[in-house]
Amino acid sequence: LESACDYLISNSARAVVRAAYDLNEAGMIEARYKLSPIMLLHKLGVLDLCTVAGGVCLDNDDLDLMAQENVPLIVLPTADAGYGHGFAPICAAVRRGIRVGVGTFDGKYNANSDLDYDIGFLRLVANATMSAENTLSSEELRKISAFE
């Protein structure tokens, strides 16, 4: 981990980091480091060099720090649902100004790796999570689709 962080810092490189992906992963990191995965990346000085993939277990403090450090989030709606991980706090991330994109992961739960399918599923998940219709506007969904 230290070598990877040193490489990122010394080369001004960027990394896509699977973080807060599920409760098991987040729990292992918190048990070992007494920090959430996002807080650990921040403490190691590399959070601003990362794009977070997953994010099911992000809490408000994590989201605030990601917004402060301008850290993008890639969510995997059908994979997260299919594997039983849960759902990333998409609406909370968007409301904080975090750039959110969508991915399909391994295609197990989206056999054609169709991004439009995952965007449609994401829209439904956001509605279910927030217990309301149209919780993400057409413009927000367009930005997520384009990863703007």
N, C-alpha and C. Protein backbone atom coordinates (compact mmCIF):
# COMPACT_ATOMS: atom_id res chain seq x y z
N LEU A 1 0.82 -1.19 0.00
CA LEU A 1 0.00 0.00 0.00
C LEU A 1 0.87 1.25 0.00
N GLU A 2 1.90 1.25 0.84
CA GLU A 2 2.79 2.41 0.90
C GLU A 2 3.50 2.63 -0.43
N SER A 3 3.94 1.55 -1.08
CA SER A 3 4.61 1.68 -2.37
C SER A 3 3.68 2.27 -3.42
N ALA A 4 2.43 1.81 -3.43
CA ALA A 4 1.45 2.33 -4.38
C ALA A 4 1.21 3.82 -4.13
N CYS A 5 1.08 4.20 -2.88
CA CYS A 5 0.87 5.61 -2.53
C CYS A 5 2.08 6.45 -2.93
N ASP A 6 3.27 5.95 -2.63
CA ASP A 6 4.49 6.66 -3.02
C ASP A 6 4.55 6.86 -4.53
N TYR A 7 4.18 5.83 -5.28
CA TYR A 7 4.19 5.93 -6.75
C TYR A 7 3.21 7.01 -7.21
N LEU A 8 2.00 6.99 -6.67
CA LEU A 8 1.00 7.98 -7.06
C LEU A 8 1.50 9.40 -6.81
N ILE A 9 2.04 9.61 -5.62
CA ILE A 9 2.49 10.94 -5.24
C ILE A 9 3.70 11.38 -6.07
N SER A 10 4.70 10.52 -6.19
CA SER A 10 5.93 10.93 -6.88
C SER A 10 5.74 11.09 -8.38
N ASN A 11 4.75 10.43 -8.95
CA ASN A 11 4.51 10.52 -10.39
C ASN A 11 3.27 11.33 -10.75
N SER A 12 2.67 11.95 -9.74
CA SER A 12 1.41 12.68 -9.96
C SER A 12 0.44 11.84 -10.78
N ALA A 13 0.40 10.55 -10.48
CA ALA A 13 -0.46 9.61 -11.19
C ALA A 13 -1.86 9.65 -10.57
N ARG A 14 -2.79 9.06 -11.27
CA ARG A 14 -4.15 8.91 -10.78
C ARG A 14 -4.47 7.43 -10.70
N ALA A 15 -5.40 7.08 -9.81
CA ALA A 15 -5.78 5.68 -9.65
C ALA A 15 -7.28 5.57 -9.48
N VAL A 16 -7.84 4.51 -10.03
CA VAL A 16 -9.22 4.14 -9.72
C VAL A 16 -9.13 3.15 -8.58
N VAL A 17 -9.76 3.48 -7.46
CA VAL A 17 -9.63 2.70 -6.24
C VAL A 17 -10.99 2.16 -5.84
N ARG A 18 -11.04 0.86 -5.69
CA ARG A 18 -12.26 0.23 -5.17
C ARG A 18 -12.29 0.52 -3.68
N ALA A 19 -13.21 1.37 -3.26
CA ALA A 19 -13.24 1.79 -1.86
C ALA A 19 -14.68 1.87 -1.37
N ALA A 20 -14.87 1.50 -0.11
CA ALA A 20 -16.20 1.49 0.51
C ALA A 20 -17.15 0.67 -0.35
N TYR A 21 -16.62 -0.39 -0.93
CA TYR A 21 -17.34 -1.20 -1.91
C TYR A 21 -18.44 -2.04 -1.28
N ASP A 22 -18.15 -2.59 -0.11
CA ASP A 22 -19.16 -3.36 0.61
C ASP A 22 -18.84 -3.31 2.10
N LEU A 23 -19.75 -3.81 2.93
CA LEU A 23 -19.56 -3.74 4.37
C LEU A 23 -18.35 -4.54 4.84
N ASN A 24 -18.10 -5.68 4.21
CA ASN A 24 -16.96 -6.50 4.61
C ASN A 24 -15.65 -5.75 4.40
N GLU A 25 -15.47 -5.18 3.20
CA GLU A 25 -14.24 -4.45 2.90
C GLU A 25 -14.08 -3.24 3.83
N ALA A 26 -15.14 -2.46 3.97
CA ALA A 26 -15.07 -1.27 4.82
C ALA A 26 -14.78 -1.66 6.27
N GLY A 27 -15.40 -2.74 6.73
CA GLY A 27 -15.17 -3.21 8.10
C GLY A 27 -13.75 -3.67 8.35
N MET A 28 -13.16 -4.36 7.38
CA MET A 28 -11.77 -4.80 7.53
C MET A 28 -10.82 -3.61 7.63
N ILE A 29 -11.05 -2.61 6.81
CA ILE A 29 -10.18 -1.43 6.84
C ILE A 29 -10.38 -0.65 8.14
N GLU A 30 -11.63 -0.49 8.55
CA GLU A 30 -11.88 0.23 9.80
C GLU A 30 -11.31 -0.51 11.00
N ALA A 31 -11.39 -1.84 11.00
CA ALA A 31 -10.85 -2.63 12.11
C ALA A 31 -9.32 -2.49 12.18
N ARG A 32 -8.68 -2.47 11.03
CA ARG A 32 -7.21 -2.40 11.00
C ARG A 32 -6.67 -1.00 11.21
N TYR A 33 -7.30 0.00 10.58
CA TYR A 33 -6.74 1.36 10.59
C TYR A 33 -7.55 2.35 11.43
N LYS A 34 -8.71 1.92 11.93
CA LYS A 34 -9.61 2.80 12.69
C LYS A 34 -10.06 4.00 11.86
N LEU A 35 -10.14 3.82 10.56
CA LEU A 35 -10.58 4.85 9.62
C LEU A 35 -11.42 4.21 8.53
N SER A 36 -12.31 4.99 7.95
CA SER A 36 -13.04 4.50 6.78
C SER A 36 -12.05 4.42 5.62
N PRO A 37 -12.38 3.67 4.57
CA PRO A 37 -11.47 3.61 3.41
C PRO A 37 -11.14 4.99 2.84
N ILE A 38 -12.12 5.88 2.79
CA ILE A 38 -11.90 7.23 2.25
C ILE A 38 -10.99 8.02 3.18
N MET A 39 -11.22 7.93 4.47
CA MET A 39 -10.37 8.64 5.44
C MET A 39 -8.94 8.11 5.40
N LEU A 40 -8.79 6.80 5.18
CA LEU A 40 -7.46 6.22 5.07
C LEU A 40 -6.73 6.77 3.84
N LEU A 41 -7.40 6.81 2.71
CA LEU A 41 -6.78 7.37 1.50
C LEU A 41 -6.37 8.83 1.73
N HIS A 42 -7.21 9.57 2.45
CA HIS A 42 -6.89 10.96 2.77
C HIS A 42 -5.66 11.05 3.67
N LYS A 43 -5.63 10.21 4.71
CA LYS A 43 -4.50 10.21 5.64
C LYS A 43 -3.19 9.85 4.92
N LEU A 44 -3.28 8.95 3.94
CA LEU A 44 -2.10 8.55 3.18
C LEU A 44 -1.69 9.60 2.15
N GLY A 45 -2.52 10.63 1.98
CA GLY A 45 -2.18 11.73 1.08
C GLY A 45 -2.46 11.49 -0.38
N VAL A 46 -3.33 10.51 -0.68
CA VAL A 46 -3.59 10.18 -2.09
C VAL A 46 -5.05 10.32 -2.50
N LEU A 47 -5.92 10.71 -1.60
CA LEU A 47 -7.34 10.77 -1.95
C LEU A 47 -7.58 11.64 -3.16
N ASP A 48 -6.92 12.78 -3.23
CA ASP A 48 -7.13 13.70 -4.35
C ASP A 48 -6.59 13.17 -5.67
N LEU A 49 -5.86 12.06 -5.63
CA LEU A 49 -5.33 11.42 -6.84
C LEU A 49 -6.17 10.22 -7.27
N CYS A 50 -7.30 10.02 -6.58
CA CYS A 50 -8.11 8.83 -6.81
C CYS A 50 -9.47 9.15 -7.41
N THR A 51 -9.99 8.17 -8.11
CA THR A 51 -11.39 8.08 -8.47
C THR A 51 -11.91 6.87 -7.70
N VAL A 52 -12.94 7.05 -6.93
CA VAL A 52 -13.48 5.97 -6.11
C VAL A 52 -14.49 5.17 -6.94
N ALA A 53 -14.31 3.86 -6.96
CA ALA A 53 -15.26 2.95 -7.61
C ALA A 53 -15.94 2.13 -6.53
N GLY A 54 -17.23 2.08 -6.58
CA GLY A 54 -18.02 1.34 -5.59
C GLY A 54 -18.82 2.31 -4.75
N GLY A 55 -18.34 2.57 -3.55
CA GLY A 55 -18.92 3.60 -2.72
C GLY A 55 -20.20 3.26 -1.99
N VAL A 56 -20.55 1.99 -1.91
CA VAL A 56 -21.79 1.62 -1.23
C VAL A 56 -21.78 2.05 0.24
N CYS A 57 -20.63 2.00 0.88
CA CYS A 57 -20.54 2.27 2.32
C CYS A 57 -20.02 3.67 2.64
N LEU A 58 -20.18 4.61 1.72
CA LEU A 58 -19.77 5.98 2.00
C LEU A 58 -20.73 6.63 2.98
N ASP A 59 -20.17 7.31 3.98
CA ASP A 59 -21.02 8.05 4.90
C ASP A 59 -20.91 9.55 4.61
N ASN A 60 -21.62 10.35 5.36
CA ASN A 60 -21.63 11.80 5.11
C ASN A 60 -20.23 12.41 5.21
N ASP A 61 -19.43 11.97 6.19
CA ASP A 61 -18.07 12.50 6.32
C ASP A 61 -17.23 12.16 5.10
N ASP A 62 -17.37 10.92 4.62
CA ASP A 62 -16.64 10.50 3.41
C ASP A 62 -17.05 11.36 2.22
N LEU A 63 -18.35 11.54 2.04
CA LEU A 63 -18.85 12.33 0.92
C LEU A 63 -18.39 13.78 1.01
N ASP A 64 -18.41 14.34 2.21
CA ASP A 64 -17.94 15.72 2.38
C ASP A 64 -16.46 15.84 2.01
N LEU A 65 -15.66 14.88 2.43
CA LEU A 65 -14.23 14.90 2.11
C LEU A 65 -14.00 14.70 0.61
N MET A 66 -14.76 13.80 0.00
CA MET A 66 -14.64 13.61 -1.44
C MET A 66 -15.00 14.87 -2.20
N ALA A 67 -16.04 15.57 -1.76
CA ALA A 67 -16.43 16.82 -2.40
C ALA A 67 -15.34 17.88 -2.22
N GLN A 68 -14.80 17.95 -1.02
CA GLN A 68 -13.73 18.92 -0.73
C GLN A 68 -12.50 18.67 -1.59
N GLU A 69 -12.16 17.39 -1.80
CA GLU A 69 -10.95 17.02 -2.54
C GLU A 69 -11.23 16.81 -4.04
N ASN A 70 -12.49 17.04 -4.44
CA ASN A 70 -12.88 16.90 -5.86
C ASN A 70 -12.62 15.48 -6.38
N VAL A 71 -13.03 14.49 -5.59
CA VAL A 71 -12.82 13.08 -5.93
C VAL A 71 -14.06 12.53 -6.63
N PRO A 72 -13.91 12.07 -7.88
CA PRO A 72 -15.05 11.48 -8.59
C PRO A 72 -15.45 10.12 -8.01
N LEU A 73 -16.67 9.72 -8.29
CA LEU A 73 -17.23 8.45 -7.84
C LEU A 73 -17.82 7.71 -9.03
N ILE A 74 -17.43 6.46 -9.19
CA ILE A 74 -18.04 5.58 -10.18
C ILE A 74 -18.88 4.56 -9.43
N VAL A 75 -20.18 4.56 -9.72
CA VAL A 75 -21.09 3.61 -9.07
C VAL A 75 -21.39 2.47 -10.04
N LEU A 76 -21.76 1.34 -9.47
CA LEU A 76 -22.00 0.11 -10.23
C LEU A 76 -23.36 -0.44 -9.84
N PRO A 77 -24.43 0.20 -10.27
CA PRO A 77 -25.77 -0.12 -9.73
C PRO A 77 -26.20 -1.57 -9.87
N THR A 78 -26.15 -2.16 -11.06
CA THR A 78 -26.66 -3.52 -11.21
C THR A 78 -25.75 -4.52 -10.50
N ALA A 79 -24.46 -4.32 -10.55
CA ALA A 79 -23.53 -5.22 -9.86
C ALA A 79 -23.72 -5.13 -8.35
N ASP A 80 -23.81 -3.90 -7.82
CA ASP A 80 -24.00 -3.74 -6.38
C ASP A 80 -25.29 -4.40 -5.91
N ALA A 81 -26.37 -4.25 -6.68
CA ALA A 81 -27.63 -4.89 -6.32
C ALA A 81 -27.53 -6.40 -6.47
N GLY A 82 -27.00 -6.83 -7.60
CA GLY A 82 -26.92 -8.26 -7.87
C GLY A 82 -26.08 -9.03 -6.87
N TYR A 83 -24.96 -8.46 -6.48
CA TYR A 83 -24.08 -9.12 -5.52
C TYR A 83 -24.51 -8.89 -4.07
N GLY A 84 -25.57 -8.10 -3.88
CA GLY A 84 -26.11 -7.88 -2.54
C GLY A 84 -25.34 -6.89 -1.70
N HIS A 85 -24.57 -6.01 -2.33
CA HIS A 85 -23.78 -5.03 -1.57
C HIS A 85 -24.61 -3.87 -1.06
N GLY A 86 -25.65 -3.52 -1.78
CA GLY A 86 -26.45 -2.35 -1.43
C GLY A 86 -26.34 -1.31 -2.54
N PHE A 87 -26.55 -0.06 -2.18
CA PHE A 87 -26.53 1.02 -3.15
C PHE A 87 -25.67 2.17 -2.65
N ALA A 88 -24.89 2.73 -3.51
CA ALA A 88 -24.11 3.91 -3.17
C ALA A 88 -25.05 5.09 -2.96
N PRO A 89 -24.68 6.02 -2.08
CA PRO A 89 -25.53 7.19 -1.81
C PRO A 89 -25.43 8.21 -2.95
N ILE A 90 -26.02 7.86 -4.07
CA ILE A 90 -25.89 8.63 -5.31
C ILE A 90 -26.46 10.03 -5.16
N CYS A 91 -27.67 10.15 -4.63
CA CYS A 91 -28.29 11.47 -4.50
C CYS A 91 -27.47 12.37 -3.58
N ALA A 92 -27.00 11.83 -2.48
CA ALA A 92 -26.18 12.62 -1.55
C ALA A 92 -24.88 13.06 -2.22
N ALA A 93 -24.29 12.21 -3.03
CA ALA A 93 -23.06 12.57 -3.74
C ALA A 93 -23.33 13.69 -4.75
N VAL A 94 -24.38 13.53 -5.53
CA VAL A 94 -24.72 14.54 -6.54
C VAL A 94 -25.02 15.87 -5.87
N ARG A 95 -25.75 15.86 -4.77
CA ARG A 95 -26.11 17.09 -4.07
C ARG A 95 -24.87 17.81 -3.52
N ARG A 96 -23.81 17.08 -3.27
CA ARG A 96 -22.57 17.69 -2.79
C ARG A 96 -21.67 18.17 -3.94
N GLY A 97 -22.10 17.92 -5.15
CA GLY A 97 -21.29 18.35 -6.29
C GLY A 97 -20.22 17.35 -6.70
N ILE A 98 -20.29 16.14 -6.19
CA ILE A 98 -19.34 15.09 -6.57
C ILE A 98 -19.68 14.65 -7.99
N ARG A 99 -18.65 14.55 -8.82
CA ARG A 99 -18.85 14.05 -10.19
C ARG A 99 -19.07 12.54 -10.09
N VAL A 100 -20.23 12.10 -10.54
CA VAL A 100 -20.62 10.69 -10.46
C VAL A 100 -20.72 10.12 -11.86
N GLY A 101 -20.16 8.94 -12.04
CA GLY A 101 -20.28 8.19 -13.28
C GLY A 101 -20.82 6.80 -12.97
N VAL A 102 -21.11 6.05 -13.99
CA VAL A 102 -21.67 4.72 -13.80
C VAL A 102 -20.86 3.71 -14.60
N GLY A 103 -20.69 2.54 -14.03
CA GLY A 103 -20.01 1.45 -14.71
C GLY A 103 -20.83 0.18 -14.61
N THR A 104 -20.43 -0.85 -15.35
CA THR A 104 -21.18 -2.09 -15.39
C THR A 104 -20.48 -3.24 -14.67
N PHE A 105 -19.26 -3.05 -14.25
CA PHE A 105 -18.44 -4.05 -13.55
C PHE A 105 -18.21 -5.26 -14.45
N ASP A 106 -18.59 -6.45 -14.03
CA ASP A 106 -18.21 -7.67 -14.77
C ASP A 106 -19.28 -8.18 -15.73
N GLY A 107 -20.41 -7.49 -15.81
CA GLY A 107 -21.47 -7.89 -16.73
C GLY A 107 -22.34 -9.03 -16.26
N LYS A 108 -22.11 -9.54 -15.07
CA LYS A 108 -22.91 -10.68 -14.58
C LYS A 108 -24.39 -10.29 -14.46
N TYR A 109 -24.65 -9.08 -14.00
CA TYR A 109 -26.04 -8.65 -13.80
C TYR A 109 -26.50 -7.64 -14.86
N ASN A 110 -25.67 -7.40 -15.83
CA ASN A 110 -25.99 -6.58 -16.99
C ASN A 110 -25.22 -7.22 -18.14
N ALA A 111 -25.78 -8.31 -18.65
CA ALA A 111 -25.07 -9.19 -19.58
C ALA A 111 -24.47 -8.49 -20.79
N ASN A 112 -25.08 -7.43 -21.25
CA ASN A 112 -24.57 -6.71 -22.42
C ASN A 112 -23.69 -5.54 -22.04
N SER A 113 -23.42 -5.37 -20.75
CA SER A 113 -22.65 -4.21 -20.26
C SER A 113 -23.18 -2.91 -20.86
N ASP A 114 -24.48 -2.79 -20.83
CA ASP A 114 -25.19 -1.65 -21.42
C ASP A 114 -25.28 -0.53 -20.39
N LEU A 115 -24.55 0.56 -20.63
CA LEU A 115 -24.56 1.68 -19.69
C LEU A 115 -25.94 2.30 -19.54
N ASP A 116 -26.72 2.34 -20.62
CA ASP A 116 -28.08 2.88 -20.53
C ASP A 116 -28.93 2.04 -19.58
N TYR A 117 -28.73 0.74 -19.59
CA TYR A 117 -29.45 -0.14 -18.68
C TYR A 117 -29.08 0.20 -17.23
N ASP A 118 -27.78 0.37 -16.97
CA ASP A 118 -27.35 0.70 -15.62
C ASP A 118 -27.84 2.09 -15.20
N ILE A 119 -27.88 3.04 -16.13
CA ILE A 119 -28.39 4.38 -15.81
C ILE A 119 -29.88 4.29 -15.45
N GLY A 120 -30.65 3.53 -16.21
CA GLY A 120 -32.06 3.35 -15.90
C GLY A 120 -32.25 2.69 -14.54
N PHE A 121 -31.43 1.70 -14.25
CA PHE A 121 -31.50 1.02 -12.96
C PHE A 121 -31.10 1.98 -11.85
N LEU A 122 -30.08 2.78 -12.09
CA LEU A 122 -29.63 3.78 -11.11
C LEU A 122 -30.77 4.75 -10.78
N ARG A 123 -31.50 5.18 -11.80
CA ARG A 123 -32.62 6.09 -11.59
C ARG A 123 -33.65 5.45 -10.66
N LEU A 124 -33.96 4.17 -10.89
CA LEU A 124 -34.92 3.47 -10.04
C LEU A 124 -34.41 3.30 -8.62
N VAL A 125 -33.13 2.98 -8.49
CA VAL A 125 -32.51 2.81 -7.17
C VAL A 125 -32.56 4.13 -6.40
N ALA A 126 -32.23 5.23 -7.09
CA ALA A 126 -32.27 6.54 -6.43
C ALA A 126 -33.68 6.83 -5.94
N ASN A 127 -34.68 6.55 -6.76
CA ASN A 127 -36.07 6.77 -6.36
C ASN A 127 -36.43 5.92 -5.15
N ALA A 128 -36.04 4.64 -5.19
CA ALA A 128 -36.36 3.73 -4.08
C ALA A 128 -35.65 4.17 -2.80
N THR A 129 -34.40 4.57 -2.92
CA THR A 129 -33.63 4.99 -1.76
C THR A 129 -34.22 6.24 -1.12
N MET A 130 -34.65 7.17 -1.96
CA MET A 130 -35.18 8.45 -1.46
C MET A 130 -36.70 8.42 -1.27
N SER A 131 -37.35 7.30 -1.58
CA SER A 131 -38.80 7.14 -1.44
C SER A 131 -39.58 8.24 -2.15
N ALA A 132 -39.15 8.53 -3.38
CA ALA A 132 -39.82 9.56 -4.18
C ALA A 132 -39.50 9.32 -5.65
N GLU A 133 -40.37 9.86 -6.50
CA GLU A 133 -40.11 9.78 -7.94
C GLU A 133 -39.18 10.90 -8.37
N ASN A 134 -38.45 10.64 -9.45
CA ASN A 134 -37.63 11.67 -10.08
C ASN A 134 -36.66 12.36 -9.12
N THR A 135 -35.99 11.59 -8.29
CA THR A 135 -35.06 12.18 -7.32
C THR A 135 -33.79 12.71 -8.01
N LEU A 136 -33.49 12.19 -9.17
CA LEU A 136 -32.40 12.74 -9.99
C LEU A 136 -33.04 13.33 -11.24
N SER A 137 -32.72 14.57 -11.53
CA SER A 137 -33.29 15.24 -12.69
C SER A 137 -32.73 14.64 -13.98
N SER A 138 -33.37 14.95 -15.08
CA SER A 138 -32.88 14.50 -16.38
C SER A 138 -31.47 15.02 -16.62
N GLU A 139 -31.21 16.26 -16.21
CA GLU A 139 -29.87 16.85 -16.38
C GLU A 139 -28.84 16.12 -15.51
N GLU A 140 -29.20 15.78 -14.28
CA GLU A 140 -28.28 15.04 -13.40
C GLU A 140 -27.99 13.66 -13.99
N LEU A 141 -29.01 12.99 -14.50
CA LEU A 141 -28.81 11.68 -15.12
C LEU A 141 -27.94 11.79 -16.37
N ARG A 142 -28.13 12.85 -17.14
CA ARG A 142 -27.30 13.08 -18.33
C ARG A 142 -25.84 13.26 -17.92
N LYS A 143 -25.60 14.04 -16.86
CA LYS A 143 -24.23 14.27 -16.38
C LYS A 143 -23.61 12.97 -15.87
N ILE A 144 -24.38 12.17 -15.17
CA ILE A 144 -23.88 10.89 -14.68
C ILE A 144 -23.53 9.99 -15.87
N SER A 145 -24.40 9.95 -16.84
CA SER A 145 -24.18 9.14 -18.04
C SER A 145 -22.91 9.55 -18.77
N ALA A 146 -22.65 10.86 -18.82
CA ALA A 146 -21.47 11.38 -19.53
C ALA A 146 -20.25 11.49 -18.61
N PHE A 147 -20.42 11.20 -17.32
CA PHE A 147 -19.39 11.32 -16.30
C PHE A 147 -18.81 12.74 -16.28
N GLU A 148 -19.72 13.71 -16.29
CA GLU A 148 -19.33 15.13 -16.24
C GLU A 148 -19.26 15.62 -14.81
